[in-house]
Amino acid sequence: MKIKYFQDTDTLYIELRSVDIAETRDLDENTLIDVDATGNICGITVEHAQQRANYPNFSFEQIAA
């Protein structure tokens, strides 16, 4: 998984799987879902991310199984 934040456009992209994207679907006005050829979600784009989430910074925690 890769998480990218583009400060210039306030866009957050979460890549769940690195595969070819077959289609991008609108979830709502500012959220897009990328799916592969079989309909599995492989990425999520959140426009106006900081504004919508009201977060000052980002942290990531990985929980062991």
PDB file of N, CA and C in Angstrom:
ATOM      1  N   MET A   1       0.848  -1.170   0.000  1.00  0.00           N
ATOM      2  CA  MET A   1       0.000   0.000   0.000  1.00  0.00           C
ATOM      3  C   MET A   1       0.895   1.233   0.000  1.00  0.00           C
ATOM      4  N   LYS A   2       0.467   2.247  -0.751  1.00  0.00           N
ATOM      5  CA  LYS A   2       1.164   3.526  -0.797  1.00  0.00           C
ATOM      6  C   LYS A   2       0.151   4.629  -0.529  1.00  0.00           C
ATOM      7  N   ILE A   3       0.576   5.610   0.245  1.00  0.00           N
ATOM      8  CA  ILE A   3      -0.268   6.765   0.519  1.00  0.00           C
ATOM      9  C   ILE A   3       0.496   7.996   0.066  1.00  0.00           C
ATOM     10  N   LYS A   4      -0.142   8.792  -0.786  1.00  0.00           N
ATOM     11  CA  LYS A   4       0.493   9.993  -1.316  1.00  0.00           C
ATOM     12  C   LYS A   4      -0.405  11.193  -1.018  1.00  0.00           C
ATOM     13  N   TYR A   5       0.232  12.267  -0.570  1.00  0.00           N
ATOM     14  CA  TYR A   5      -0.506  13.507  -0.342  1.00  0.00           C
ATOM     15  C   TYR A   5       0.107  14.591  -1.214  1.00  0.00           C
ATOM     16  N   PHE A   6      -0.720  15.231  -2.022  1.00  0.00           N
ATOM     17  CA  PHE A   6      -0.298  16.288  -2.921  1.00  0.00           C
ATOM     18  C   PHE A   6      -0.740  17.622  -2.323  1.00  0.00           C
ATOM     19  N   GLN A   7       0.206  18.298  -1.690  1.00  0.00           N
ATOM     20  CA  GLN A   7      -0.108  19.515  -0.950  1.00  0.00           C
ATOM     21  C   GLN A   7      -0.643  20.621  -1.859  1.00  0.00           C
ATOM     22  N   ASP A   8      -0.114  20.729  -3.064  1.00  0.00           N
ATOM     23  CA  ASP A   8      -0.536  21.807  -3.967  1.00  0.00           C
ATOM     24  C   ASP A   8      -2.004  21.731  -4.352  1.00  0.00           C
ATOM     25  N   THR A   9      -2.576  20.523  -4.365  1.00  0.00           N
ATOM     26  CA  THR A   9      -3.996  20.366  -4.709  1.00  0.00           C
ATOM     27  C   THR A   9      -4.838  19.846  -3.541  1.00  0.00           C
ATOM     28  N   ASP A  10      -4.189  19.625  -2.384  1.00  0.00           N
ATOM     29  CA  ASP A  10      -4.861  19.074  -1.200  1.00  0.00           C
ATOM     30  C   ASP A  10      -5.588  17.771  -1.547  1.00  0.00           C
ATOM     31  N   THR A  11      -4.851  16.901  -2.230  1.00  0.00           N
ATOM     32  CA  THR A  11      -5.401  15.628  -2.679  1.00  0.00           C
ATOM     33  C   THR A  11      -4.660  14.474  -2.016  1.00  0.00           C
ATOM     34  N   LEU A  12      -5.405  13.524  -1.494  1.00  0.00           N
ATOM     35  CA  LEU A  12      -4.848  12.327  -0.877  1.00  0.00           C
ATOM     36  C   LEU A  12      -5.146  11.142  -1.797  1.00  0.00           C
ATOM     37  N   TYR A  13      -4.108  10.356  -2.093  1.00  0.00           N
ATOM     38  CA  TYR A  13      -4.316   9.150  -2.903  1.00  0.00           C
ATOM     39  C   TYR A  13      -3.822   7.952  -2.113  1.00  0.00           C
ATOM     40  N   ILE A  14      -4.679   6.975  -1.943  1.00  0.00           N
ATOM     41  CA  ILE A  14      -4.345   5.733  -1.244  1.00  0.00           C
ATOM     42  C   ILE A  14      -4.343   4.620  -2.277  1.00  0.00           C
ATOM     43  N   GLU A  15      -3.161   4.094  -2.561  1.00  0.00           N
ATOM     44  CA  GLU A  15      -3.030   2.984  -3.508  1.00  0.00           C
ATOM     45  C   GLU A  15      -3.023   1.686  -2.704  1.00  0.00           C
ATOM     46  N   LEU A  16      -4.076   0.925  -2.835  1.00  0.00           N
ATOM     47  CA  LEU A  16      -4.189  -0.331  -2.100  1.00  0.00           C
ATOM     48  C   LEU A  16      -3.428  -1.458  -2.778  1.00  0.00           C
ATOM     49  N   ARG A  17      -3.480  -1.467  -4.100  1.00  0.00           N
ATOM     50  CA  ARG A  17      -2.781  -2.489  -4.895  1.00  0.00           C
ATOM     51  C   ARG A  17      -2.254  -1.841  -6.152  1.00  0.00           C
ATOM     52  N   SER A  18      -1.038  -2.214  -6.545  1.00  0.00           N
ATOM     53  CA  SER A  18      -0.433  -1.665  -7.750  1.00  0.00           C
ATOM     54  C   SER A  18      -0.791  -2.544  -8.946  1.00  0.00           C
ATOM     55  N   VAL A  19      -1.938  -2.261  -9.536  1.00  0.00           N
ATOM     56  CA  VAL A  19      -2.426  -3.011 -10.700  1.00  0.00           C
ATOM     57  C   VAL A  19      -2.960  -2.009 -11.723  1.00  0.00           C
ATOM     58  N   ASP A  20      -3.262  -2.488 -12.914  1.00  0.00           N
ATOM     59  CA  ASP A  20      -3.863  -1.634 -13.927  1.00  0.00           C
ATOM     60  C   ASP A  20      -5.273  -1.244 -13.495  1.00  0.00           C
ATOM     61  N   ILE A  21      -5.566   0.038 -13.606  1.00  0.00           N
ATOM     62  CA  ILE A  21      -6.892   0.544 -13.246  1.00  0.00           C
ATOM     63  C   ILE A  21      -7.795   0.437 -14.469  1.00  0.00           C
ATOM     64  N   ALA A  22      -8.903  -0.266 -14.303  1.00  0.00           N
ATOM     65  CA  ALA A  22      -9.848  -0.452 -15.406  1.00  0.00           C
ATOM     66  C   ALA A  22     -10.892   0.660 -15.455  1.00  0.00           C
ATOM     67  N   GLU A  23     -11.224   1.205 -14.272  1.00  0.00           N
ATOM     68  CA  GLU A  23     -12.287   2.210 -14.219  1.00  0.00           C
ATOM     69  C   GLU A  23     -12.114   3.048 -12.958  1.00  0.00           C
ATOM     70  N   THR A  24     -12.474   4.317 -13.058  1.00  0.00           N
ATOM     71  CA  THR A  24     -12.533   5.196 -11.892  1.00  0.00           C
ATOM     72  C   THR A  24     -13.980   5.578 -11.683  1.00  0.00           C
ATOM     73  N   ARG A  25     -14.472   5.326 -10.485  1.00  0.00           N
ATOM     74  CA  ARG A  25     -15.880   5.580 -10.171  1.00  0.00           C
ATOM     75  C   ARG A  25     -15.988   6.723  -9.163  1.00  0.00           C
ATOM     76  N   ASP A  26     -16.991   7.583  -9.340  1.00  0.00           N
ATOM     77  CA  ASP A  26     -17.259   8.652  -8.387  1.00  0.00           C
ATOM     78  C   ASP A  26     -18.028   8.082  -7.205  1.00  0.00           C
ATOM     79  N   LEU A  27     -17.454   8.216  -6.022  1.00  0.00           N
ATOM     80  CA  LEU A  27     -18.181   7.831  -4.816  1.00  0.00           C
ATOM     81  C   LEU A  27     -19.066   8.994  -4.387  1.00  0.00           C
ATOM     82  N   ASP A  28     -18.493  10.183  -4.422  1.00  0.00           N
ATOM     83  CA  ASP A  28     -19.238  11.418  -4.219  1.00  0.00           C
ATOM     84  C   ASP A  28     -18.499  12.511  -4.980  1.00  0.00           C
ATOM     85  N   GLU A  29     -18.849  13.746  -4.752  1.00  0.00           N
ATOM     86  CA  GLU A  29     -18.287  14.867  -5.490  1.00  0.00           C
ATOM     87  C   GLU A  29     -16.756  14.973  -5.374  1.00  0.00           C
ATOM     88  N   ASN A  30     -16.194  14.539  -4.246  1.00  0.00           N
ATOM     89  CA  ASN A  30     -14.770  14.707  -3.990  1.00  0.00           C
ATOM     90  C   ASN A  30     -14.029  13.409  -3.678  1.00  0.00           C
ATOM     91  N   THR A  31     -14.642  12.265  -3.955  1.00  0.00           N
ATOM     92  CA  THR A  31     -14.019  10.986  -3.664  1.00  0.00           C
ATOM     93  C   THR A  31     -14.160  10.068  -4.874  1.00  0.00           C
ATOM     94  N   LEU A  32     -13.025   9.532  -5.321  1.00  0.00           N
ATOM     95  CA  LEU A  32     -12.999   8.644  -6.480  1.00  0.00           C
ATOM     96  C   LEU A  32     -12.441   7.292  -6.065  1.00  0.00           C
ATOM     97  N   ILE A  33     -12.987   6.235  -6.633  1.00  0.00           N
ATOM     98  CA  ILE A  33     -12.545   4.871  -6.356  1.00  0.00           C
ATOM     99  C   ILE A  33     -12.019   4.274  -7.657  1.00  0.00           C
ATOM    100  N   ASP A  34     -10.775   3.790  -7.625  1.00  0.00           N
ATOM    101  CA  ASP A  34     -10.198   3.096  -8.777  1.00  0.00           C
ATOM    102  C   ASP A  34     -10.417   1.597  -8.602  1.00  0.00           C
ATOM    103  N   VAL A  35     -10.880   0.938  -9.658  1.00  0.00           N
ATOM    104  CA  VAL A  35     -11.114  -0.508  -9.604  1.00  0.00           C
ATOM    105  C   VAL A  35     -10.373  -1.195 -10.744  1.00  0.00           C
ATOM    106  N   ASP A  36     -10.048  -2.466 -10.528  1.00  0.00           N
ATOM    107  CA  ASP A  36      -9.384  -3.252 -11.573  1.00  0.00           C
ATOM    108  C   ASP A  36     -10.432  -3.892 -12.475  1.00  0.00           C
ATOM    109  N   ALA A  37      -9.997  -4.720 -13.381  1.00  0.00           N
ATOM    110  CA  ALA A  37     -10.891  -5.337 -14.370  1.00  0.00           C
ATOM    111  C   ALA A  37     -11.961  -6.229 -13.749  1.00  0.00           C
ATOM    112  N   THR A  38     -11.706  -6.747 -12.550  1.00  0.00           N
ATOM    113  CA  THR A  38     -12.705  -7.602 -11.894  1.00  0.00           C
ATOM    114  C   THR A  38     -13.533  -6.852 -10.851  1.00  0.00           C
ATOM    115  N   GLY A  39     -13.344  -5.530 -10.762  1.00  0.00           N
ATOM    116  CA  GLY A  39     -14.147  -4.723  -9.849  1.00  0.00           C
ATOM    117  C   GLY A  39     -13.586  -4.568  -8.462  1.00  0.00           C
ATOM    118  N   ASN A  40     -12.371  -5.067  -8.217  1.00  0.00           N
ATOM    119  CA  ASN A  40     -11.750  -4.920  -6.897  1.00  0.00           C
ATOM    120  C   ASN A  40     -11.175  -3.515  -6.738  1.00  0.00           C
ATOM    121  N   ILE A  41     -11.354  -2.921  -5.573  1.00  0.00           N
ATOM    122  CA  ILE A  41     -10.827  -1.587  -5.307  1.00  0.00           C
ATOM    123  C   ILE A  41      -9.311  -1.644  -5.238  1.00  0.00           C
ATOM    124  N   CYS A  42      -8.663  -0.758  -5.990  1.00  0.00           N
ATOM    125  CA  CYS A  42      -7.202  -0.708  -5.947  1.00  0.00           C
ATOM    126  C   CYS A  42      -6.683   0.672  -5.567  1.00  0.00           C
ATOM    127  N   GLY A  43      -7.550   1.679  -5.502  1.00  0.00           N
ATOM    128  CA  GLY A  43      -7.113   3.005  -5.093  1.00  0.00           C
ATOM    129  C   GLY A  43      -8.274   3.908  -4.737  1.00  0.00           C
ATOM    130  N   ILE A  44      -7.983   4.892  -3.884  1.00  0.00           N
ATOM    131  CA  ILE A  44      -8.982   5.863  -3.452  1.00  0.00           C
ATOM    132  C   ILE A  44      -8.364   7.256  -3.541  1.00  0.00           C
ATOM    133  N   THR A  45      -9.058   8.177  -4.188  1.00  0.00           N
ATOM    134  CA  THR A  45      -8.632   9.572  -4.257  1.00  0.00           C
ATOM    135  C   THR A  45      -9.598  10.420  -3.449  1.00  0.00           C
ATOM    136  N   VAL A  46      -9.043  11.263  -2.572  1.00  0.00           N
ATOM    137  CA  VAL A  46      -9.850  12.168  -1.753  1.00  0.00           C
ATOM    138  C   VAL A  46      -9.411  13.591  -2.070  1.00  0.00           C
ATOM    139  N   GLU A  47     -10.288  14.350  -2.710  1.00  0.00           N
ATOM    140  CA  GLU A  47     -10.030  15.756  -3.006  1.00  0.00           C
ATOM    141  C   GLU A  47     -10.355  16.596  -1.772  1.00  0.00           C
ATOM    142  N   HIS A  48      -9.663  17.715  -1.609  1.00  0.00           N
ATOM    143  CA  HIS A  48      -9.847  18.606  -0.449  1.00  0.00           C
ATOM    144  C   HIS A  48      -9.652  17.829   0.851  1.00  0.00           C
ATOM    145  N   ALA A  49      -8.646  16.976   0.869  1.00  0.00           N
ATOM    146  CA  ALA A  49      -8.439  16.028   1.963  1.00  0.00           C
ATOM    147  C   ALA A  49      -8.260  16.697   3.316  1.00  0.00           C
ATOM    148  N   GLN A  50      -7.370  17.664   3.391  1.00  0.00           N
ATOM    149  CA  GLN A  50      -7.114  18.301   4.681  1.00  0.00           C
ATOM    150  C   GLN A  50      -8.349  19.058   5.162  1.00  0.00           C
ATOM    151  N   GLN A  51      -8.996  19.722   4.264  1.00  0.00           N
ATOM    152  CA  GLN A  51     -10.206  20.469   4.596  1.00  0.00           C
ATOM    153  C   GLN A  51     -11.314  19.522   5.083  1.00  0.00           C
ATOM    154  N   ARG A  52     -11.490  18.401   4.423  1.00  0.00           N
ATOM    155  CA  ARG A  52     -12.564  17.469   4.766  1.00  0.00           C
ATOM    156  C   ARG A  52     -12.274  16.701   6.044  1.00  0.00           C
ATOM    157  N   ALA A  53     -11.002  16.341   6.260  1.00  0.00           N
ATOM    158  CA  ALA A  53     -10.655  15.544   7.430  1.00  0.00           C
ATOM    159  C   ALA A  53     -10.257  16.410   8.618  1.00  0.00           C
ATOM    160  N   ASN A  54      -9.947  17.694   8.362  1.00  0.00           N
ATOM    161  CA  ASN A  54      -9.545  18.619   9.412  1.00  0.00           C
ATOM    162  C   ASN A  54      -8.374  18.064  10.217  1.00  0.00           C
ATOM    163  N   TYR A  55      -7.348  17.627   9.517  1.00  0.00           N
ATOM    164  CA  TYR A  55      -6.189  17.066  10.204  1.00  0.00           C
ATOM    165  C   TYR A  55      -4.974  17.990  10.036  1.00  0.00           C
ATOM    166  N   PRO A  56      -4.189  18.167  11.095  1.00  0.00           N
ATOM    167  CA  PRO A  56      -2.994  18.997  10.983  1.00  0.00           C
ATOM    168  C   PRO A  56      -1.777  18.222  10.484  1.00  0.00           C
ATOM    169  N   ASN A  57      -1.766  16.915  10.698  1.00  0.00           N
ATOM    170  CA  ASN A  57      -0.651  16.085  10.236  1.00  0.00           C
ATOM    171  C   ASN A  57      -1.143  14.664  10.020  1.00  0.00           C
ATOM    172  N   PHE A  58      -0.231  13.817   9.604  1.00  0.00           N
ATOM    173  CA  PHE A  58      -0.588  12.445   9.252  1.00  0.00           C
ATOM    174  C   PHE A  58       0.268  11.478  10.034  1.00  0.00           C
ATOM    175  N   SER A  59      -0.338  10.430  10.537  1.00  0.00           N
ATOM    176  CA  SER A  59       0.439   9.366  11.172  1.00  0.00           C
ATOM    177  C   SER A  59      -0.054   8.024  10.649  1.00  0.00           C
ATOM    178  N   PHE A  60       0.834   7.056  10.699  1.00  0.00           N
ATOM    179  CA  PHE A  60       0.525   5.737  10.169  1.00  0.00           C
ATOM    180  C   PHE A  60       0.946   4.712  11.209  1.00  0.00           C
ATOM    181  N   GLU A  61       0.088   3.754  11.468  1.00  0.00           N
ATOM    182  CA  GLU A  61       0.404   2.709  12.429  1.00  0.00           C
ATOM    183  C   GLU A  61       0.102   1.368  11.816  1.00  0.00           C
ATOM    184  N   GLN A  62       1.039   0.469  11.868  1.00  0.00           N
ATOM    185  CA  GLN A  62       0.828  -0.883  11.365  1.00  0.00           C
ATOM    186  C   GLN A  62       0.647  -1.807  12.555  1.00  0.00           C
ATOM    187  N   ILE A  63      -0.445  -2.550  12.562  1.00  0.00           N
ATOM    188  CA  ILE A  63      -0.777  -3.461  13.642  1.00  0.00           C
ATOM    189  C   ILE A  63      -0.425  -4.878  13.211  1.00  0.00           C
ATOM    190  N   ALA A  64       0.397  -5.545  14.006  1.00  0.00           N
ATOM    191  CA  ALA A  64       0.788  -6.921  13.680  1.00  0.00           C
ATOM    192  C   ALA A  64      -0.389  -7.862  13.862  1.00  0.00           C
ATOM    193  N   ALA A  65      -0.419  -8.899  13.044  1.00  0.00           N
ATOM    194  CA  ALA A  65      -1.526  -9.870  13.121  1.00  0.00           C
ATOM    195  C   ALA A  65      -1.377 -10.766  14.334  1.00  0.00           C
TER     196      ALA A  65
END
